C-alpha atoms as a PDB file:
ATOM      1  CA  MET A   1      -0.058   0.038  -0.007  1.00  0.00           C
ATOM      2  CA  LYS A   2       1.090   3.649  -0.774  1.00  0.00           C
ATOM      3  CA  ALA A   3       0.806   6.627   1.415  1.00  0.00           C
ATOM      4  CA  VAL A   4      -0.485  10.158  -0.199  1.00  0.00           C
ATOM      5  CA  LYS A   5      -0.338  13.124   2.405  1.00  0.00           C
ATOM      6  CA  ALA A   6      -3.171  15.681   1.510  1.00  0.00           C
ATOM      7  CA  THR A   7      -5.013  18.394   3.590  1.00  0.00           C
ATOM      8  CA  GLY A   8      -8.795  18.606   3.510  1.00  0.00           C
ATOM      9  CA  SER A   9     -11.952  19.541   5.071  1.00  0.00           C
ATOM     10  CA  ILE A  10     -15.099  18.721   6.644  1.00  0.00           C
ATOM     11  CA  ASN A  11     -18.277  19.734   5.518  1.00  0.00           C
ATOM     12  CA  GLU A  12     -21.586  20.041   7.801  1.00  0.00           C
ATOM     13  CA  GLN A  13     -22.727  16.967   6.007  1.00  0.00           C
ATOM     14  CA  GLY A  14     -19.286  15.197   7.475  1.00  0.00           C
ATOM     15  CA  GLN A  15     -17.846  14.654   3.854  1.00  0.00           C
ATOM     16  CA  LEU A  16     -14.386  15.273   2.959  1.00  0.00           C
ATOM     17  CA  SER A  17     -13.191  17.032   0.713  1.00  0.00           C
ATOM     18  CA  LEU A  18      -9.665  17.244  -0.430  1.00  0.00           C
ATOM     19  CA  ASP A  19      -8.051  20.839  -0.754  1.00  0.00           C
ATOM     20  CA  HIS A  20      -6.207  19.241  -4.342  1.00  0.00           C
ATOM     21  CA  PRO A  21      -7.175  16.141  -6.448  1.00  0.00           C
ATOM     22  CA  LEU A  22      -4.920  13.460  -6.063  1.00  0.00           C
ATOM     23  CA  THR A  23      -2.289  12.181  -8.820  1.00  0.00           C
ATOM     24  CA  VAL A  24      -2.788   8.707  -8.219  1.00  0.00           C
ATOM     25  CA  SER A  25      -5.007   6.228 -10.417  1.00  0.00           C
ATOM     26  CA  LYS A  26      -8.525   7.059 -10.782  1.00  0.00           C
ATOM     27  CA  ASN A  27     -10.925   4.557  -9.662  1.00  0.00           C
ATOM     28  CA  SER A  28      -8.841   3.059  -7.010  1.00  0.00           C
ATOM     29  CA  ARG A  29     -10.291   2.127  -3.638  1.00  0.00           C
ATOM     30  CA  VAL A  30      -8.525   3.817  -0.938  1.00  0.00           C
ATOM     31  CA  GLU A  31      -8.432   3.617   3.047  1.00  0.00           C
ATOM     32  CA  VAL A  32      -8.416   6.939   4.958  1.00  0.00           C
ATOM     33  CA  ILE A  33      -7.028   8.180   7.900  1.00  0.00           C
ATOM     34  CA  VAL A  34      -8.017  11.587   9.318  1.00  0.00           C
ATOM     35  CA  LEU A  35      -6.470  13.491  11.653  1.00  0.00           C
ATOM     36  CA  ILE A  36      -8.192  15.927  13.291  1.00  0.00           C
ATOM     37  CA  PRO A  37      -6.822  19.276  15.251  1.00  0.00           C
ATOM     38  CA  GLU A  38      -7.838  18.703  18.941  1.00  0.00           C
ATOM     39  CA  GLU A  39      -8.722  22.823  19.075  1.00  0.00           C
ATOM     40  CA  PRO A  40     -10.476  23.978  16.527  1.00  0.00           C
ATOM     41  CA  GLU A  41      -8.497  26.362  14.583  1.00  0.00           C
ATOM     42  CA  SER A  42     -10.325  29.665  15.566  1.00  0.00           C
ATOM     43  CA  ASN A  43      -9.182  29.154  18.980  1.00  0.00           C
ATOM     44  CA  ASP A  44      -5.483  29.841  17.504  1.00  0.00           C
ATOM     45  CA  GLU A  45      -6.412  33.310  17.037  1.00  0.00           C
ATOM     46  CA  GLN A  46      -7.560  33.507  20.461  1.00  0.00           C
ATOM     47  CA  THR A  47      -4.889  32.180  21.643  1.00  0.00           C
ATOM     48  CA  LYS A  48      -2.441  34.629  19.479  1.00  0.00           C
ATOM     49  CA  GLU A  49      -3.940  37.385  21.041  1.00  0.00           C
ATOM     50  CA  ALA A  50      -4.118  36.087  24.442  1.00  0.00           C
ATOM     51  CA  ILE A  51       0.012  35.770  24.212  1.00  0.00           C
ATOM     52  CA  LEU A  52      -0.322  39.824  22.330  1.00  0.00           C
ATOM     53  CA  GLU A  53      -1.938  40.887  25.442  1.00  0.00           C
ATOM     54  CA  ASP A  54       0.117  39.143  28.150  1.00  0.00           C
ATOM     55  CA  PHE A  55       3.378  40.857  26.452  1.00  0.00           C
ATOM     56  CA  ARG A  56       1.540  44.563  26.439  1.00  0.00           C
ATOM     57  CA  GLN A  57       0.668  43.781  29.940  1.00  0.00           C
ATOM     58  CA  ALA A  58       4.251  42.319  30.507  1.00  0.00           C
ATOM     59  CA  TRP A  59       6.250  45.296  28.580  1.00  0.00           C
ATOM     60  CA  HIS A  60       3.966  47.592  30.138  1.00  0.00           C
ATOM     61  CA  GLU A  61       5.138  46.260  33.905  1.00  0.00           C
ATOM     62  CA  ALA A  62       8.900  46.383  32.635  1.00  0.00           C
ATOM     63  CA  MET A  63       8.839  50.358  31.492  1.00  0.00           C
ATOM     64  CA  THR A  64       6.883  51.489  34.959  1.00  0.00           C
ATOM     65  CA  GLY A  65       9.510  49.490  37.050  1.00  0.00           C
ATOM     66  CA  GLN A  66       6.480  46.947  37.959  1.00  0.00           C
ATOM     67  CA  THR A  67       9.451  44.255  38.281  1.00  0.00           C
ATOM     68  CA  ILE A  68      11.009  41.570  40.778  1.00  0.00           C
ATOM     69  CA  PRO A  69      14.702  41.210  40.631  1.00  0.00           C
ATOM     70  CA  VAL A  70      16.249  38.097  39.196  1.00  0.00           C
ATOM     71  CA  SER A  71      17.594  37.079  42.659  1.00  0.00           C
ATOM     72  CA  GLN A  72      14.208  36.459  44.326  1.00  0.00           C
ATOM     73  CA  ILE A  73      12.250  35.346  41.758  1.00  0.00           C
ATOM     74  CA  TRP A  74      12.578  31.698  43.265  1.00  0.00           C
ATOM     75  CA  ASP A  75      12.634  33.023  46.853  1.00  0.00           C
ATOM     76  CA  GLY A  76       9.861  30.815  49.157  1.00  0.00           C
ATOM     77  CA  VAL A  77       9.622  28.279  45.969  1.00  0.00           C
ATOM     78  CA  GLU A  78      10.807  25.085  47.660  1.00  0.00           C
ATOM     79  CA  ASP A  79      11.857  21.748  46.316  1.00  0.00           C
ATOM     80  CA  ASP A  80       9.963  18.893  46.581  1.00  0.00           C
END
């Protein structure tokens, strides 16, 4: 059996549609394995936005002197 990697999407009826036609023998039976991301792609944008907001907050704190000296970062943290 030959493996071919392709991308596509699943429509509202649950049917798979490939982004590009396969360049293999026509009228052949195939076996399909579908890999679905654990999180929807729309969450990627929220994650990017959250990261950007965290960076903005950290930058603001750094520019206004709201920082902790590196020597104090691990104070109070005990090893297990």
